[in-house]
Amino acid sequence: MPSYFFHTRDGEKLDIDEEGTDLPDDRSARHAAKELLAALNRERLPNGDEMSLSVIVQNAEGAEIYVASLHFEGRRGAPAHAGKHDETS
């Protein structure tokens, strides 16, 4: 069974997967990357208003076969009363 390596990037921080995971094929590796990205998102999203996450998948030969990325940016909206006109006149 082929080995795949799932490196993760959180902003500028890159974590290298040195152990790898045995999976049947590239399709399974792509699915695993999406699952990992979703888990990272759930874990890290509450920690701020901006985040960039990526999962980079390499096969045992070192070829990059897939990259899954997510960028989140949150911002506060204008106060509810801003921009409303007085309709009583």
C-alpha atoms as a PDB file:
ATOM      1  CA  MET A   1       0.000   0.000   0.000  1.00  0.00           C
ATOM      2  CA  PRO A   2       1.417   3.439  -0.924  1.00  0.00           C
ATOM      3  CA  SER A   3       2.534   5.923   1.732  1.00  0.00           C
ATOM      4  CA  TYR A   4       1.397   9.554   1.744  1.00  0.00           C
ATOM      5  CA  PHE A   5       2.700  12.471   3.769  1.00  0.00           C
ATOM      6  CA  PHE A   6       0.351  15.207   4.986  1.00  0.00           C
ATOM      7  CA  HIS A   7       2.272  18.407   5.676  1.00  0.00           C
ATOM      8  CA  THR A   8       0.252  21.221   7.235  1.00  0.00           C
ATOM      9  CA  ARG A   9       0.696  24.968   6.973  1.00  0.00           C
ATOM     10  CA  ASP A  10      -0.927  27.360   9.445  1.00  0.00           C
ATOM     11  CA  GLY A  11      -0.079  30.855   8.228  1.00  0.00           C
ATOM     12  CA  GLU A  12       3.708  30.858   7.950  1.00  0.00           C
ATOM     13  CA  LYS A  13       4.224  27.756  10.141  1.00  0.00           C
ATOM     14  CA  LEU A  14       4.877  24.524   8.228  1.00  0.00           C
ATOM     15  CA  ASP A  15       4.623  21.182  10.040  1.00  0.00           C
ATOM     16  CA  ILE A  16       6.275  18.289   8.212  1.00  0.00           C
ATOM     17  CA  ASP A  17       4.709  14.834   8.430  1.00  0.00           C
ATOM     18  CA  GLU A  18       7.701  12.533   8.848  1.00  0.00           C
ATOM     19  CA  GLU A  19       5.733   9.336   9.528  1.00  0.00           C
ATOM     20  CA  GLY A  20       3.326   9.183   6.617  1.00  0.00           C
ATOM     21  CA  THR A  21       0.116   7.230   6.259  1.00  0.00           C
ATOM     22  CA  ASP A  22      -0.549   4.141   4.160  1.00  0.00           C
ATOM     23  CA  LEU A  23      -3.575   4.552   1.904  1.00  0.00           C
ATOM     24  CA  PRO A  24      -4.846   2.583  -1.094  1.00  0.00           C
ATOM     25  CA  ASP A  25      -4.498   5.342  -3.717  1.00  0.00           C
ATOM     26  CA  ASP A  26      -4.264   9.059  -4.557  1.00  0.00           C
ATOM     27  CA  ARG A  27      -8.033   9.470  -4.352  1.00  0.00           C
ATOM     28  CA  SER A  28      -8.001   8.241  -0.754  1.00  0.00           C
ATOM     29  CA  ALA A  29      -5.128  10.631   0.014  1.00  0.00           C
ATOM     30  CA  ARG A  30      -7.082  13.583  -1.420  1.00  0.00           C
ATOM     31  CA  HIS A  31     -10.087  12.649   0.711  1.00  0.00           C
ATOM     32  CA  ALA A  32      -7.878  12.345   3.806  1.00  0.00           C
ATOM     33  CA  ALA A  33      -6.405  15.801   3.092  1.00  0.00           C
ATOM     34  CA  LYS A  34      -9.886  17.339   2.997  1.00  0.00           C
ATOM     35  CA  GLU A  35     -10.818  15.619   6.257  1.00  0.00           C
ATOM     36  CA  LEU A  36      -7.611  16.844   7.902  1.00  0.00           C
ATOM     37  CA  LEU A  37      -8.211  20.406   6.673  1.00  0.00           C
ATOM     38  CA  ALA A  38     -11.749  20.341   8.108  1.00  0.00           C
ATOM     39  CA  ALA A  39     -10.436  19.092  11.465  1.00  0.00           C
ATOM     40  CA  LEU A  40      -7.746  21.799  11.554  1.00  0.00           C
ATOM     41  CA  ASN A  41     -10.400  24.387  10.749  1.00  0.00           C
ATOM     42  CA  ARG A  42     -12.640  23.257  13.628  1.00  0.00           C
ATOM     43  CA  GLU A  43      -9.678  23.266  16.001  1.00  0.00           C
ATOM     44  CA  ARG A  44      -8.188  26.644  15.087  1.00  0.00           C
ATOM     45  CA  LEU A  45     -10.981  28.874  13.767  1.00  0.00           C
ATOM     46  CA  PRO A  46     -12.126  30.209  17.167  1.00  0.00           C
ATOM     47  CA  ASN A  47      -8.629  31.581  17.827  1.00  0.00           C
ATOM     48  CA  GLY A  48      -8.940  34.739  15.742  1.00  0.00           C
ATOM     49  CA  ASP A  49     -10.475  36.618  12.848  1.00  0.00           C
ATOM     50  CA  GLU A  50      -7.996  35.612  10.164  1.00  0.00           C
ATOM     51  CA  MET A  51      -6.516  32.262   9.285  1.00  0.00           C
ATOM     52  CA  SER A  52      -4.902  30.462   6.362  1.00  0.00           C
ATOM     53  CA  LEU A  53      -4.591  26.686   6.483  1.00  0.00           C
ATOM     54  CA  SER A  54      -3.226  24.233   3.939  1.00  0.00           C
ATOM     55  CA  VAL A  55      -2.631  20.511   3.732  1.00  0.00           C
ATOM     56  CA  ILE A  56       0.067  19.495   1.253  1.00  0.00           C
ATOM     57  CA  VAL A  57       0.060  15.831   0.224  1.00  0.00           C
ATOM     58  CA  GLN A  58       3.218  14.148  -1.034  1.00  0.00           C
ATOM     59  CA  ASN A  59       3.581  10.577  -2.183  1.00  0.00           C
ATOM     60  CA  ALA A  60       6.457   8.315  -1.107  1.00  0.00           C
ATOM     61  CA  GLU A  61       8.564   9.550  -4.049  1.00  0.00           C
ATOM     62  CA  GLY A  62       8.259  13.147  -2.792  1.00  0.00           C
ATOM     63  CA  ALA A  63       5.911  14.355  -5.535  1.00  0.00           C
ATOM     64  CA  GLU A  64       3.262  16.829  -4.425  1.00  0.00           C
ATOM     65  CA  ILE A  65      -0.018  15.261  -5.510  1.00  0.00           C
ATOM     66  CA  TYR A  66      -2.586  17.535  -3.875  1.00  0.00           C
ATOM     67  CA  VAL A  67      -2.969  20.763  -1.905  1.00  0.00           C
ATOM     68  CA  ALA A  68      -6.120  21.664   0.018  1.00  0.00           C
ATOM     69  CA  SER A  69      -6.295  25.245   1.317  1.00  0.00           C
ATOM     70  CA  LEU A  70      -8.698  27.373   3.298  1.00  0.00           C
ATOM     71  CA  HIS A  71      -8.558  31.087   4.044  1.00  0.00           C
ATOM     72  CA  PHE A  72     -10.858  32.622   6.639  1.00  0.00           C
ATOM     73  CA  GLU A  73     -11.304  36.316   7.299  1.00  0.00           C
ATOM     74  CA  GLY A  74     -13.857  37.685   9.726  1.00  0.00           C
ATOM     75  CA  ARG A  75     -14.724  41.305  10.310  1.00  0.00           C
ATOM     76  CA  ARG A  76     -17.245  43.221  12.316  1.00  0.00           C
ATOM     77  CA  GLY A  77     -20.055  44.886  10.462  1.00  0.00           C
ATOM     78  CA  ALA A  78     -21.221  48.434  10.951  1.00  0.00           C
ATOM     79  CA  PRO A  79     -23.474  49.042  13.968  1.00  0.00           C
ATOM     80  CA  ALA A  80     -27.140  48.295  13.237  1.00  0.00           C
ATOM     81  CA  HIS A  81     -28.142  51.960  13.402  1.00  0.00           C
ATOM     82  CA  ALA A  82     -25.440  53.210  11.032  1.00  0.00           C
ATOM     83  CA  GLY A  83     -26.725  54.377   7.683  1.00  0.00           C
ATOM     84  CA  LYS A  84     -30.426  54.253   8.620  1.00  0.00           C
ATOM     85  CA  HIS A  85     -32.471  57.358   7.944  1.00  0.00           C
ATOM     86  CA  ASP A  86     -35.071  58.788  10.253  1.00  0.00           C
ATOM     87  CA  GLU A  87     -38.329  57.797   8.567  1.00  0.00           C
ATOM     88  CA  THR A  88     -40.571  59.945  10.791  1.00  0.00           C
ATOM     89  CA  SER A  89     -40.217  63.121   8.698  1.00  0.00           C
END
